[in-house]
Amino acid sequence: MKMGKTESEAQASLSPDPLTAVSPLDGRYAVQTQALRRYFSEFALIRYRLKVEVEWLVALGAEPAIGECRPLADGEAQALRRWVEDLSVEDARSVKAREAVTRHDVKAVEYELRDQVEKLGRADLVPFVHFGCTSEDINNISHALMLRDGLADVWLPAAQELVEEIRARATATEDLPMLAHTHGQPASPTTLGKELAIFVHRLERQLRQVAGAEYLAKFSGAVGNYNAHLAAYADLDWPAFAKRFIEGFGLTQNVLTTQIESHDYMAEVFHALARFNTLLISYDQDMWSYISHGYFSQKLLPGEVGSSTMPHKVNPIDFENSEANAGLANAVLNHLAGKLPISRMQRDLTDSSALRNVGVGVGYALLAVRSALAGTRKVEANPARLAEDLDGEWAVLGEAVQTVLRKAGHHDAYERLKAATQNREFSEASFAQMLAELDIPEDDRARLKAMAPRDYVGLAAELARTVTRR
């Protein structure tokens, strides 16, 4: 009697579905990451490769020095471009079917384009499809465009939305006093908005670096020397021709390479993304702590449950998810940044497999941003709880008093306040009694006497406004 399915039968029964996906990016979080499929999927790579191949064929035909390559008519070029833009999954499957035979992904793309050129009635151009190219000429431009477009169209808008949401919270609380904590201990007060404004200030700096990144590309043949190009057309200025072609995509030419573009710029982009994620982890942890202290309360969505057994709880899961996904993103991005600029001699294939995981790093980074955004939208400041903590920590005014004593020339100012405030109860009454006994100018005494912990925030609100009022 057969008791169950064999392993192969069980595997065959699990057709592609979010519930059967190996990666949570395409499973549990598929809805949140699906916008990235247009930029980082196998389908996307095929489409970008075809785009580069088509534009190269158009460029060759437009160059008078390459007389044997008759130019594509405007309608012919538009037809090929439209075919790439409207590429279907079935078209991509055709390329993959060719790859199963060729065992070479870029060659399969070349053959697919050759068929399209013949369908246009331009069989004369077939020899010039992929002319003078090594696979990496096509690949490096494709990967540059995929990364640039994916970040610009999906990740950057999400990250900017998060920063603006934090800015809105900072603006609303820029004057709201809060007891600071250094080393986990009560410290000189600040404002809640100023502490949030710090993250706006830091995250915006990293956003500018991601948005302003320079994307490099090469199109110089098998080992970067235009060997084959010169063998066919010795009088053409191939570096200048390649420069015009590369800049047509909005990229910068890397003039000195091996077979591959060196990927240094990619490392720079990934490091900038990783720095953003690192700051996001710090933000997540601080928000988690502020929620733990009760400085923020959280709004539950209708039907949402905070804990499976404790009805009173509202767990800060969005910030916890953000922290976890930012860490996963950095594990991938930092590996790519360290690996991709390294290639043995003129080329090895380790970058090819690594580059297929760029979307994984960006995907987890996107999840981290969106989780933090969801968490930020759910929190509300709790002024009563903030005031309660401040009113219970009159000892934090010891810093102000000992500084005024120093101003008055007292050599033992710090030691006197240490003895008065450290390791014992120090209340509003204790503060008033101490002020009455101090040998300080009366105007200083009056200013200190009018002070409470909630007033001792320095320029926190003004500093916050340098960010919140931009």
Protein backbone atom coordinates (compact mmCIF):
# COMPACT_ATOMS: atom_id res chain seq x y z
CA MET A 1 0.00 0.00 0.00
CA LYS A 2 1.41 3.37 -0.99
CA MET A 3 1.51 5.61 2.10
CA GLY A 4 2.38 8.93 0.47
CA LYS A 5 3.84 10.76 -2.45
CA THR A 6 7.45 10.32 -3.43
CA GLU A 7 9.72 13.34 -3.11
CA SER A 8 9.68 13.91 -6.86
CA GLU A 9 5.88 13.69 -6.96
CA ALA A 10 5.59 16.15 -4.08
CA GLN A 11 7.90 18.59 -5.81
CA ALA A 12 6.02 18.29 -9.08
CA SER A 13 2.74 19.07 -7.33
CA LEU A 14 4.05 22.40 -6.02
CA SER A 15 3.47 24.62 -9.03
CA PRO A 16 4.80 28.21 -8.92
CA ASP A 17 2.76 30.21 -6.44
CA PRO A 18 3.53 32.72 -3.65
CA LEU A 19 2.89 29.93 -1.17
CA THR A 20 5.47 27.63 -2.78
CA ALA A 21 8.17 30.23 -3.47
CA VAL A 22 11.57 29.51 -1.96
CA SER A 23 12.33 33.20 -1.40
CA PRO A 24 9.92 35.30 0.68
CA LEU A 25 10.54 38.11 -1.80
CA ASP A 26 8.45 36.16 -4.32
CA GLY A 27 6.29 34.48 -1.69
CA ARG A 28 5.09 36.16 1.49
CA TYR A 29 6.21 39.61 0.32
CA ALA A 30 5.41 39.22 -3.39
CA VAL A 31 2.88 42.03 -3.43
CA GLN A 32 5.34 44.45 -1.86
CA THR A 33 8.21 43.58 -4.21
CA GLN A 34 6.40 42.90 -7.49
CA ALA A 35 7.28 46.35 -8.87
CA LEU A 36 10.92 45.22 -8.93
CA ARG A 37 10.22 42.38 -11.35
CA ARG A 38 10.33 44.77 -14.29
CA TYR A 39 13.93 45.62 -13.39
CA PHE A 40 15.59 42.65 -11.71
CA SER A 41 13.93 39.47 -13.00
CA GLU A 42 15.22 37.09 -15.66
CA PHE A 43 12.57 38.56 -17.94
CA ALA A 44 13.92 42.05 -17.24
CA LEU A 45 17.48 40.99 -18.03
CA ILE A 46 16.37 39.53 -21.38
CA ARG A 47 14.46 42.71 -22.24
CA TYR A 48 17.34 45.01 -21.34
CA ARG A 49 19.77 42.87 -23.33
CA LEU A 50 17.53 43.06 -26.37
CA LYS A 51 17.27 46.82 -25.91
CA VAL A 52 21.07 47.17 -26.00
CA GLU A 53 21.38 44.84 -29.00
CA VAL A 54 18.73 46.77 -30.96
CA GLU A 55 20.31 50.15 -30.20
CA TRP A 56 23.74 48.83 -31.24
CA LEU A 57 22.33 47.68 -34.58
CA VAL A 58 20.71 51.08 -35.08
CA ALA A 59 23.98 52.85 -34.21
CA LEU A 60 26.02 50.71 -36.60
CA GLY A 61 23.65 51.46 -39.46
CA ALA A 62 23.83 55.19 -38.73
CA GLU A 63 27.63 55.27 -38.98
CA PRO A 64 28.73 56.16 -42.56
CA ALA A 65 32.13 54.50 -42.08
CA ILE A 66 30.41 51.12 -41.73
CA GLY A 67 29.13 51.05 -45.28
CA GLU A 68 28.20 47.39 -45.36
CA CYS A 69 25.62 47.93 -42.63
CA ARG A 70 22.78 49.70 -44.38
CA PRO A 71 20.79 51.85 -41.95
CA LEU A 72 17.46 50.81 -40.56
CA ALA A 73 14.59 52.91 -41.81
CA ASP A 74 12.79 54.92 -39.12
CA GLY A 75 9.83 52.57 -39.22
CA GLU A 76 12.09 49.52 -38.97
CA ALA A 77 13.96 50.89 -35.96
CA GLN A 78 10.68 51.85 -34.31
CA ALA A 79 9.29 48.36 -34.90
CA LEU A 80 12.28 46.75 -33.18
CA ARG A 81 12.15 49.19 -30.29
CA ARG A 82 8.43 48.65 -29.88
CA TRP A 83 8.97 44.89 -29.90
CA VAL A 84 11.45 45.25 -27.03
CA GLU A 85 9.25 47.65 -25.09
CA ASP A 86 6.23 45.37 -25.45
CA LEU A 87 8.18 42.15 -24.93
CA SER A 88 5.95 39.45 -23.49
CA VAL A 89 6.74 36.62 -21.16
CA GLU A 90 6.14 34.28 -24.08
CA ASP A 91 8.80 36.13 -26.08
CA ALA A 92 11.19 35.71 -23.17
CA ARG A 93 10.35 32.00 -23.02
CA SER A 94 11.39 31.77 -26.65
CA VAL A 95 14.79 33.17 -25.69
CA LYS A 96 15.07 30.69 -22.84
CA ALA A 97 14.24 27.85 -25.22
CA ARG A 98 17.12 28.95 -27.43
CA GLU A 99 19.38 29.14 -24.38
CA ALA A 100 18.55 25.51 -23.59
CA VAL A 101 20.16 24.67 -26.94
CA THR A 102 23.00 27.21 -27.08
CA ARG A 103 23.85 26.91 -23.37
CA HIS A 104 24.64 30.62 -23.63
CA ASP A 105 22.15 33.27 -22.53
CA VAL A 106 23.45 36.22 -24.55
CA LYS A 107 23.83 34.14 -27.72
CA ALA A 108 20.19 33.16 -27.32
CA VAL A 109 19.26 36.85 -27.22
CA GLU A 110 21.32 37.45 -30.37
CA TYR A 111 19.54 34.65 -32.24
CA GLU A 112 16.13 35.96 -31.15
CA LEU A 113 16.95 39.40 -32.51
CA ARG A 114 18.30 37.96 -35.74
CA ASP A 115 14.92 36.32 -36.33
CA GLN A 116 13.14 39.62 -35.72
CA VAL A 117 15.44 41.40 -38.15
CA GLU A 118 14.69 38.80 -40.81
CA LYS A 119 10.95 39.21 -40.18
CA LEU A 120 11.40 42.89 -41.00
CA GLY A 121 12.78 41.85 -44.38
CA ARG A 122 16.27 43.01 -43.46
CA ALA A 123 18.23 39.76 -43.69
CA ASP A 124 21.16 41.87 -44.91
CA LEU A 125 21.59 43.15 -41.34
CA VAL A 126 21.81 39.73 -39.70
CA PRO A 127 25.66 39.70 -39.81
CA PHE A 128 25.69 42.99 -37.90
CA VAL A 129 23.56 41.78 -34.99
CA HIS A 130 25.97 41.61 -32.03
CA PHE A 131 28.75 42.90 -34.32
CA GLY A 132 32.12 43.22 -32.57
CA CYS A 133 30.53 42.47 -29.20
CA THR A 134 31.52 40.29 -26.33
CA SER A 135 28.65 39.20 -24.13
CA GLU A 136 29.78 41.55 -21.40
CA ASP A 137 29.38 44.55 -23.70
CA ILE A 138 25.68 43.75 -23.72
CA ASN A 139 25.52 42.64 -20.10
CA ASN A 140 27.28 45.54 -18.41
CA ILE A 141 25.03 48.14 -20.02
CA SER A 142 21.98 46.01 -19.24
CA HIS A 143 22.89 45.65 -15.56
CA ALA A 144 23.69 49.36 -15.27
CA LEU A 145 20.29 50.27 -16.70
CA MET A 146 18.47 47.70 -14.57
CA LEU A 147 20.05 49.00 -11.37
CA ARG A 148 19.65 52.67 -12.27
CA ASP A 149 16.04 52.34 -13.40
CA GLY A 150 14.99 50.00 -10.58
CA LEU A 151 16.35 52.32 -7.92
CA ALA A 152 15.02 55.47 -9.57
CA ASP A 153 11.54 54.11 -10.29
CA VAL A 154 10.88 51.97 -7.21
CA TRP A 155 13.34 52.17 -4.31
CA LEU A 156 14.09 55.89 -4.29
CA PRO A 157 10.42 57.02 -4.30
CA ALA A 158 9.68 54.62 -1.43
CA ALA A 159 12.71 55.80 0.54
CA GLN A 160 11.85 59.45 -0.07
CA GLU A 161 8.29 58.79 1.07
CA LEU A 162 9.63 57.32 4.31
CA VAL A 163 11.90 60.31 4.92
CA GLU A 164 9.00 62.70 4.35
CA GLU A 165 6.84 60.74 6.78
CA ILE A 166 9.58 60.99 9.42
CA ARG A 167 9.91 64.71 8.65
CA ALA A 168 6.16 65.14 9.21
CA ARG A 169 6.45 63.45 12.62
CA ALA A 170 9.48 65.60 13.46
CA THR A 171 7.61 68.76 12.49
CA ALA A 172 4.67 67.84 14.69
CA THR A 173 6.89 67.19 17.71
CA GLU A 174 9.75 69.66 17.23
CA ASP A 175 8.75 71.53 20.44
CA LEU A 176 7.69 68.47 22.47
CA PRO A 177 10.19 67.96 25.35
CA MET A 178 11.56 64.48 25.89
CA LEU A 179 13.93 62.99 28.43
CA ALA A 180 17.02 61.86 26.55
CA HIS A 181 18.82 58.64 27.38
CA THR A 182 22.54 58.13 26.97
CA HIS A 183 23.90 54.69 27.80
CA GLY A 184 20.29 53.82 28.68
CA GLN A 185 20.31 56.33 31.57
CA PRO A 186 18.32 59.57 31.94
CA ALA A 187 20.20 62.45 30.31
CA SER A 188 19.77 66.12 29.46
CA PRO A 189 16.34 66.65 27.84
CA THR A 190 15.81 67.19 24.13
CA THR A 191 12.69 67.34 21.99
CA LEU A 192 11.16 64.35 20.28
CA GLY A 193 11.08 66.21 16.98
CA LYS A 194 14.76 67.07 17.14
CA GLU A 195 15.68 63.40 17.57
CA LEU A 196 13.52 62.46 14.57
CA ALA A 197 14.98 65.35 12.57
CA ILE A 198 18.43 63.84 13.05
CA PHE A 199 17.31 60.78 11.09
CA VAL A 200 15.80 62.94 8.36
CA HIS A 201 19.10 64.79 8.09
CA ARG A 202 21.17 61.58 7.95
CA LEU A 203 18.89 59.60 5.65
CA GLU A 204 18.58 62.48 3.17
CA ARG A 205 22.35 62.63 2.83
CA GLN A 206 22.46 58.97 1.81
CA LEU A 207 19.53 59.46 -0.56
CA ARG A 208 21.45 62.20 -2.34
CA GLN A 209 24.39 59.85 -2.80
CA VAL A 210 22.20 57.06 -4.19
CA ALA A 211 20.30 59.46 -6.47
CA GLY A 212 23.50 61.12 -7.69
CA ALA A 213 25.43 57.93 -8.41
CA GLU A 214 27.42 57.68 -11.65
CA TYR A 215 26.74 54.57 -13.72
CA LEU A 216 29.64 53.36 -15.86
CA ALA A 217 29.73 51.12 -18.93
CA LYS A 218 32.13 49.76 -21.54
CA PHE A 219 31.60 48.59 -25.11
CA SER A 220 35.10 47.65 -26.20
CA GLY A 221 35.09 43.96 -27.06
CA ALA A 222 36.64 40.76 -25.79
CA VAL A 223 39.36 42.23 -23.53
CA GLY A 224 38.54 45.94 -23.75
CA ASN A 225 40.89 46.79 -26.64
CA TYR A 226 38.56 46.99 -29.69
CA ASN A 227 40.61 44.22 -31.30
CA ALA A 228 37.90 42.87 -33.60
CA HIS A 229 36.52 46.30 -34.35
CA LEU A 230 39.83 47.49 -35.78
CA ALA A 231 40.27 44.29 -37.75
CA ALA A 232 37.07 45.13 -39.64
CA TYR A 233 37.14 48.95 -39.75
CA ALA A 234 40.62 50.20 -38.94
CA ASP A 235 39.92 53.86 -39.70
CA LEU A 236 36.94 54.32 -37.38
CA ASP A 237 37.51 55.99 -34.00
CA TRP A 238 35.93 53.14 -32.05
CA PRO A 239 36.43 54.57 -28.53
CA ALA A 240 34.63 57.77 -29.57
CA PHE A 241 31.90 55.74 -31.30
CA ALA A 242 31.44 53.60 -28.17
CA LYS A 243 31.36 56.74 -26.01
CA ARG A 244 28.49 58.21 -28.01
CA PHE A 245 26.65 54.89 -27.83
CA ILE A 246 27.09 54.54 -24.06
CA GLU A 247 26.16 58.14 -23.36
CA GLY A 248 23.00 57.62 -25.39
CA PHE A 249 21.78 55.50 -22.48
CA GLY A 250 22.67 58.20 -19.96
CA LEU A 251 25.72 56.25 -18.78
CA THR A 252 29.39 57.24 -18.44
CA GLN A 253 32.05 55.47 -20.50
CA ASN A 254 34.70 53.54 -18.61
CA VAL A 255 37.55 53.82 -21.08
CA LEU A 256 39.98 51.37 -19.50
CA THR A 257 38.68 47.88 -18.76
CA THR A 258 39.26 44.17 -19.25
CA GLN A 259 36.49 42.09 -20.81
CA ILE A 260 34.15 43.38 -18.13
CA GLU A 261 33.31 46.78 -16.76
CA SER A 262 35.04 46.83 -13.40
CA HIS A 263 31.89 47.22 -11.26
CA ASP A 264 33.53 49.81 -9.00
CA TYR A 265 30.55 52.14 -9.43
CA MET A 266 28.23 49.29 -8.43
CA ALA A 267 30.16 48.87 -5.20
CA GLU A 268 29.70 52.60 -4.57
CA VAL A 269 25.94 52.35 -5.14
CA PHE A 270 25.62 49.25 -2.95
CA HIS A 271 27.64 50.84 -0.17
CA ALA A 272 25.40 53.92 -0.29
CA LEU A 273 22.32 51.70 -0.12
CA ALA A 274 23.87 49.76 2.74
CA ARG A 275 24.62 52.97 4.64
CA PHE A 276 20.99 54.03 4.22
CA ASN A 277 19.93 50.62 5.55
CA THR A 278 22.30 50.92 8.50
CA LEU A 279 20.80 54.29 9.43
CA LEU A 280 17.35 52.77 8.97
CA ILE A 281 18.23 50.01 11.43
CA SER A 282 19.24 52.69 13.95
CA TYR A 283 15.93 54.48 13.35
CA ASP A 284 13.99 51.22 13.76
CA GLN A 285 15.72 50.46 17.03
CA ASP A 286 15.15 53.96 18.40
CA MET A 287 11.47 53.88 17.45
CA TRP A 288 11.20 50.46 19.08
CA SER A 289 12.73 51.93 22.25
CA TYR A 290 10.50 55.02 22.22
CA ILE A 291 7.45 52.77 21.87
CA SER A 292 8.77 50.61 24.73
CA HIS A 293 9.08 53.72 26.92
CA GLY A 294 5.57 54.77 25.96
CA TYR A 295 6.74 57.94 24.22
CA PHE A 296 4.84 56.76 21.14
CA SER A 297 1.57 54.85 21.10
CA GLN A 298 0.57 52.69 18.13
CA LYS A 299 -2.71 52.58 16.25
CA LEU A 300 -4.05 49.13 15.48
CA LEU A 301 -5.78 48.54 12.16
CA PRO A 302 -9.32 47.14 12.33
CA GLY A 303 -9.10 43.43 13.09
CA GLU A 304 -5.36 43.56 13.81
CA VAL A 305 -4.03 41.47 16.70
CA GLY A 306 -0.98 42.47 18.72
CA SER A 307 -0.31 39.19 20.46
CA SER A 308 -1.71 35.67 20.10
CA THR A 309 -2.16 35.32 23.86
CA MET A 310 -1.89 38.77 25.50
CA PRO A 311 -4.80 40.94 24.35
CA HIS A 312 -3.35 44.18 25.71
CA LYS A 313 -0.24 44.14 23.51
CA VAL A 314 0.48 46.10 20.36
CA ASN A 315 3.83 44.84 19.17
CA PRO A 316 6.11 47.18 17.13
CA ILE A 317 6.36 44.53 14.40
CA ASP A 318 6.78 46.95 11.50
CA PHE A 319 10.01 48.34 12.95
CA GLU A 320 11.18 44.83 13.82
CA ASN A 321 10.47 43.65 10.25
CA SER A 322 12.24 46.68 8.86
CA GLU A 323 15.31 46.00 11.00
CA ALA A 324 15.43 42.35 9.92
CA ASN A 325 15.02 43.10 6.21
CA ALA A 326 17.55 45.94 6.26
CA GLY A 327 20.03 43.49 7.76
CA LEU A 328 19.32 40.92 5.05
CA ALA A 329 19.68 43.60 2.39
CA ASN A 330 23.06 44.63 3.75
CA ALA A 331 24.26 41.03 3.87
CA VAL A 332 23.67 40.81 0.11
CA LEU A 333 24.67 44.36 -0.83
CA ASN A 334 27.90 44.35 1.16
CA HIS A 335 28.83 40.98 -0.32
CA LEU A 336 28.21 42.28 -3.84
CA ALA A 337 30.18 45.45 -3.13
CA GLY A 338 33.13 43.38 -1.92
CA LYS A 339 32.95 40.71 -4.60
CA LEU A 340 32.08 42.44 -7.88
CA PRO A 341 35.17 44.66 -8.27
CA ILE A 342 37.35 41.52 -8.10
CA SER A 343 37.84 39.42 -11.25
CA ARG A 344 40.74 37.13 -12.11
CA MET A 345 42.95 38.56 -14.84
CA GLN A 346 40.87 39.65 -17.83
CA ARG A 347 37.65 37.94 -16.71
CA ASP A 348 36.12 35.19 -14.65
CA LEU A 349 32.46 34.26 -14.39
CA THR A 350 31.88 34.82 -10.67
CA ASP A 351 30.34 38.22 -11.28
CA SER A 352 27.66 36.73 -13.55
CA SER A 353 26.09 34.62 -10.82
CA ALA A 354 26.55 37.34 -8.22
CA LEU A 355 24.83 39.98 -10.35
CA ARG A 356 21.69 37.88 -10.55
CA ASN A 357 21.20 38.65 -6.85
CA VAL A 358 21.17 42.44 -7.14
CA GLY A 359 17.39 42.33 -7.07
CA VAL A 360 17.54 40.30 -3.86
CA GLY A 361 19.51 43.02 -2.10
CA VAL A 362 17.30 45.78 -3.46
CA GLY A 363 14.19 43.73 -2.69
CA TYR A 364 15.03 43.37 0.99
CA ALA A 365 15.99 47.05 1.10
CA LEU A 366 12.59 47.94 -0.34
CA LEU A 367 10.84 45.76 2.25
CA ALA A 368 12.80 47.47 5.02
CA VAL A 369 11.73 50.91 3.82
CA ARG A 370 8.09 49.97 3.40
CA SER A 371 7.91 48.29 6.82
CA ALA A 372 9.45 51.36 8.49
CA LEU A 373 6.99 53.55 6.60
CA ALA A 374 4.05 51.45 7.82
CA GLY A 375 5.34 51.62 11.39
CA THR A 376 5.92 55.38 11.26
CA ARG A 377 2.39 55.98 10.00
CA LYS A 378 0.95 54.02 12.93
CA VAL A 379 2.63 55.92 15.77
CA GLU A 380 1.39 58.92 17.70
CA ALA A 381 3.37 60.88 20.27
CA ASN A 382 2.23 60.49 23.88
CA PRO A 383 2.83 63.90 25.55
CA ALA A 384 1.52 62.72 28.93
CA ARG A 385 4.03 59.87 29.12
CA LEU A 386 6.85 62.15 27.98
CA ALA A 387 5.94 64.68 30.68
CA GLU A 388 5.75 61.95 33.32
CA ASP A 389 9.32 60.86 32.66
CA LEU A 390 10.61 64.43 32.62
CA ASP A 391 8.86 65.37 35.85
CA GLY A 392 10.47 62.42 37.61
CA GLU A 393 14.05 63.32 36.69
CA TRP A 394 14.99 66.63 38.30
CA ALA A 395 18.54 65.34 38.62
CA VAL A 396 19.11 66.11 34.93
CA LEU A 397 19.22 69.78 35.90
CA GLY A 398 22.43 69.04 37.75
CA GLU A 399 24.32 69.71 34.53
CA ALA A 400 22.84 73.22 34.33
CA VAL A 401 23.59 74.00 37.97
CA GLN A 402 27.20 72.79 37.94
CA THR A 403 27.85 74.79 34.75
CA VAL A 404 26.54 77.97 36.41
CA LEU A 405 28.74 77.19 39.44
CA ARG A 406 31.76 76.90 37.14
CA LYS A 407 30.82 80.28 35.67
CA ALA A 408 30.84 81.70 39.23
CA GLY A 409 34.37 80.36 39.78
CA HIS A 410 33.65 77.32 41.95
CA HIS A 411 36.39 74.71 41.48
CA ASP A 412 34.36 71.89 42.96
CA ALA A 413 31.17 72.48 40.96
CA TYR A 414 31.05 69.05 39.36
CA GLU A 415 31.86 67.21 42.58
CA ARG A 416 29.18 69.11 44.54
CA LEU A 417 26.46 68.24 42.04
CA LYS A 418 27.65 64.66 41.79
CA ALA A 419 27.26 64.28 45.56
CA ALA A 420 23.84 65.92 45.47
CA THR A 421 22.29 64.02 42.57
CA GLN A 422 23.99 60.68 42.07
CA ASN A 423 22.56 57.46 43.53
CA ARG A 424 19.81 59.07 45.61
CA GLU A 425 16.38 60.65 45.21
CA PHE A 426 16.53 64.15 43.84
CA SER A 427 13.15 65.88 43.62
CA GLU A 428 11.78 69.28 42.75
CA ALA A 429 12.02 70.15 46.44
CA SER A 430 15.64 68.98 46.56
CA PHE A 431 16.39 71.20 43.59
CA ALA A 432 14.76 74.23 45.19
CA GLN A 433 16.62 73.70 48.47
CA MET A 434 19.95 73.34 46.66
CA LEU A 435 19.39 76.54 44.69
CA ALA A 436 18.65 78.45 47.88
CA GLU A 437 22.01 77.43 49.33
CA LEU A 438 24.21 78.18 46.29
CA ASP A 439 26.67 81.04 46.23
CA ILE A 440 25.81 82.35 42.74
CA PRO A 441 24.59 85.66 41.28
CA GLU A 442 20.90 86.29 41.88
CA ASP A 443 20.05 86.56 38.18
CA ASP A 444 21.53 83.08 37.62
CA ARG A 445 19.64 81.77 40.66
CA ALA A 446 16.37 83.21 39.35
CA ARG A 447 16.90 81.68 35.91
CA LEU A 448 17.63 78.25 37.39
CA LYS A 449 14.72 78.54 39.82
CA ALA A 450 12.31 79.12 36.93
CA MET A 451 13.59 76.00 35.16
CA ALA A 452 12.04 72.52 35.11
CA PRO A 453 13.32 69.45 33.24
CA ARG A 454 10.85 70.10 30.41
CA ASP A 455 12.35 73.58 29.91
CA TYR A 456 15.94 72.38 29.77
CA VAL A 457 16.05 71.51 26.06
CA GLY A 458 18.60 74.01 24.81
CA LEU A 459 18.24 74.75 21.09
CA ALA A 460 16.62 71.40 20.30
CA ALA A 461 13.51 72.88 18.67
CA GLU A 462 15.51 75.41 16.65
CA LEU A 463 17.87 72.68 15.47
CA ALA A 464 14.91 70.51 14.48
CA ARG A 465 13.49 73.34 12.41
CA THR A 466 16.61 73.46 10.24
CA VAL A 467 15.32 70.14 8.86
CA THR A 468 11.56 70.25 9.38
CA ARG A 469 11.09 73.66 7.69
CA ARG A 470 12.96 72.86 4.48
